Protein backbone atom coordinates (compact mmCIF):
# COMPACT_ATOMS: atom_id res chain seq x y z
CA MET A 1 -39.59 9.25 -2.84
CA ALA A 2 -36.43 9.16 -4.82
CA ASP A 3 -35.21 6.11 -6.67
CA SER A 4 -32.81 4.52 -4.67
CA ASP A 5 -31.07 3.19 -7.52
CA THR A 6 -30.30 6.65 -9.08
CA LEU A 7 -26.95 7.23 -7.48
CA LYS A 8 -25.69 3.66 -7.91
CA ASN A 9 -26.76 3.83 -11.56
CA LEU A 10 -24.87 6.98 -12.14
CA LEU A 11 -21.79 5.60 -10.35
CA MET A 12 -21.74 2.35 -12.29
CA PRO A 13 -20.03 3.54 -15.39
CA LEU A 14 -17.47 5.51 -13.60
CA LEU A 15 -16.28 2.70 -11.57
CA GLN A 16 -16.31 0.27 -14.48
CA ALA A 17 -13.06 -0.12 -16.31
CA SER A 18 -13.42 -0.64 -20.13
CA GLY A 19 -13.92 -4.17 -20.87
CA ALA A 20 -14.18 -5.14 -17.30
CA ALA A 21 -17.38 -6.51 -15.47
CA ALA A 22 -19.44 -4.15 -13.81
CA PRO A 23 -18.79 -3.77 -10.11
CA VAL A 24 -21.44 -4.91 -7.51
CA LEU A 25 -22.72 -2.13 -5.24
CA GLU A 26 -25.13 -2.36 -2.67
CA ASN A 27 -28.07 0.00 -2.70
CA SER A 28 -27.03 3.15 -0.54
CA ASP A 29 -27.36 6.82 -0.32
CA SER A 30 -23.70 7.33 0.19
CA TYR A 31 -20.53 5.70 -1.24
CA THR A 32 -16.75 6.40 -0.92
CA LEU A 33 -14.24 6.65 -3.69
CA SER A 34 -10.56 5.98 -2.47
CA LEU A 35 -8.12 8.04 -4.58
CA SER A 36 -5.17 7.28 -2.39
CA GLN A 37 -4.53 6.25 1.19
CA SER A 38 -4.98 9.90 2.32
CA LEU A 39 -7.46 11.03 -0.02
CA VAL A 40 -11.15 9.59 -0.04
CA LEU A 41 -14.25 11.21 -1.79
CA GLU A 42 -17.66 10.74 -0.55
CA LEU A 43 -20.57 10.49 -3.15
CA SER A 44 -23.87 10.86 -1.52
CA GLU A 45 -27.39 11.69 -2.27
CA THR A 46 -27.63 14.78 0.18
CA PRO A 47 -30.42 16.10 -0.05
CA GLN A 48 -32.64 13.82 -1.77
CA GLU A 49 -32.30 14.07 -5.49
CA TYR A 50 -28.76 15.65 -5.31
CA LEU A 51 -25.24 14.27 -5.76
CA THR A 52 -23.01 15.74 -3.10
CA VAL A 53 -19.21 15.05 -3.73
CA SER A 54 -17.17 15.83 -0.89
CA CYS A 55 -13.87 15.11 0.97
CA LEU A 56 -11.84 16.09 4.07
CA LEU A 57 -8.21 17.18 3.87
CA ASP A 58 -5.73 17.41 6.63
CA ILE A 59 -4.11 20.64 7.48
CA PRO A 60 -0.52 20.19 8.84
CA GLU A 61 -0.28 21.66 12.18
CA GLU A 62 2.33 24.48 10.93
CA ARG A 63 -0.47 25.62 8.29
CA TYR A 64 -3.41 25.60 10.37
CA ASP A 65 -2.87 28.85 12.47
CA GLU A 66 -1.11 30.57 9.41
CA TRP A 67 -3.35 33.48 8.17
CA GLU A 68 -2.11 33.29 4.59
CA THR A 69 -2.95 29.58 4.26
CA LEU A 70 -6.53 30.25 5.34
CA ALA A 71 -6.86 33.21 3.16
CA ILE A 72 -5.65 31.38 -0.14
CA LEU A 73 -8.17 28.54 0.85
CA LEU A 74 -10.96 31.20 1.19
CA GLN A 75 -9.93 32.66 -2.09
CA SER A 76 -9.79 29.57 -3.89
CA ASN A 77 -13.86 29.81 -3.85
CA LEU A 78 -13.61 32.37 -6.15
CA LEU A 79 -11.33 30.88 -8.77
CA GLY A 80 -13.40 28.07 -10.55
CA LEU A 81 -15.76 29.49 -13.26
CA GLU A 82 -16.93 25.92 -14.00
CA HIS A 83 -20.55 24.75 -12.79
CA PRO A 84 -21.12 23.43 -10.29
CA PRO A 85 -18.45 25.14 -8.34
CA ILE A 86 -16.27 23.23 -5.93
CA ILE A 87 -16.65 24.94 -2.51
CA THR A 88 -13.62 25.20 0.05
CA GLY A 89 -14.52 25.44 3.71
CA LEU A 90 -13.06 24.43 7.09
CA LEU A 91 -14.21 22.11 9.86
CA ILE A 92 -12.70 24.29 12.91
CA GLU A 93 -13.25 21.39 15.52
CA GLN A 94 -11.65 18.77 13.32
CA LYS A 95 -9.04 21.01 11.92
CA LYS A 96 -9.66 19.78 8.30
CA VAL A 97 -10.33 21.40 4.96
CA ILE A 98 -13.63 20.29 3.37
CA LEU A 99 -14.11 20.47 -0.30
CA TRP A 100 -17.71 19.94 -1.72
CA THR A 101 -19.93 20.34 -4.62
CA ARG A 102 -23.54 19.51 -5.42
CA GLN A 103 -25.46 18.99 -8.65
CA PRO A 104 -29.40 17.87 -8.93
CA PHE A 105 -29.73 14.43 -10.35
CA VAL A 106 -32.01 15.97 -12.88
CA VAL A 107 -29.27 17.58 -14.98
CA MET A 108 -26.71 14.52 -14.56
CA ASP A 109 -26.13 11.59 -16.80
CA SER A 110 -22.98 9.13 -16.33
CA SER A 111 -20.89 11.19 -18.42
CA ALA A 112 -21.64 14.45 -16.61
CA MET A 113 -20.97 12.54 -13.37
CA LYS A 114 -17.77 11.34 -14.70
CA VAL A 115 -16.63 14.84 -15.74
CA LEU A 116 -17.92 16.30 -12.28
CA VAL A 117 -15.98 13.73 -10.00
CA GLU A 118 -12.74 13.82 -12.17
CA ARG A 119 -12.70 17.62 -12.03
CA PHE A 120 -13.73 17.48 -8.17
CA ALA A 121 -10.61 14.69 -7.91
CA GLN A 122 -8.13 16.91 -9.58
CA GLN A 123 -9.05 19.92 -7.56
CA ALA A 124 -9.00 17.74 -4.16
CA GLU A 125 -5.40 16.32 -5.20
CA HIS A 126 -4.34 19.83 -6.00
CA VAL A 127 -5.11 21.39 -2.78
CA GLN A 128 -4.02 18.57 -0.74
CA ALA A 129 -0.59 18.76 -2.26
CA TRP A 130 -0.44 22.40 -1.68
CA LEU A 131 -1.63 22.15 1.93
CA HIS A 132 1.35 19.77 2.36
CA GLU A 133 4.08 21.96 0.66
CA PRO A 134 6.54 23.70 3.27
CA VAL A 135 5.07 27.13 4.22
CA GLU A 136 7.64 29.25 2.47
CA GLN A 137 7.20 27.12 -0.87
CA ALA A 138 3.34 27.45 -0.99
CA ALA A 139 3.36 31.24 -0.40
CA GLU A 140 5.34 31.56 -3.80
CA ALA A 141 2.81 29.42 -5.48
């Protein structure tokens, strides 16, 4: 059985501002981190002993059926050489893009988690901004 505190213990330094008191987190296998009103990261222990970071991004209606948008999203899986990779997928029924990455706890410490979450957040913000650009402008990017 996994130590139920592992995820919480990895998260604490990420959430604690320098010089501030540590935040109080309930024991859980999943936490959310709001970066903005429309961008929420989920950090979960899925599967057991692994950190999975994911988020859902809305696709504007005019971009959803556009072939070029879908092709660029798929191509984005090839761009990052850092490990672990950040994978881009589509949830067809929900008409949302899902970004996710996974790393075993055994290779993580708080510093590695902070780097991973910051890299993931930057990628999510970039993809979200790109999805909301006008179609003509996005094609030129």
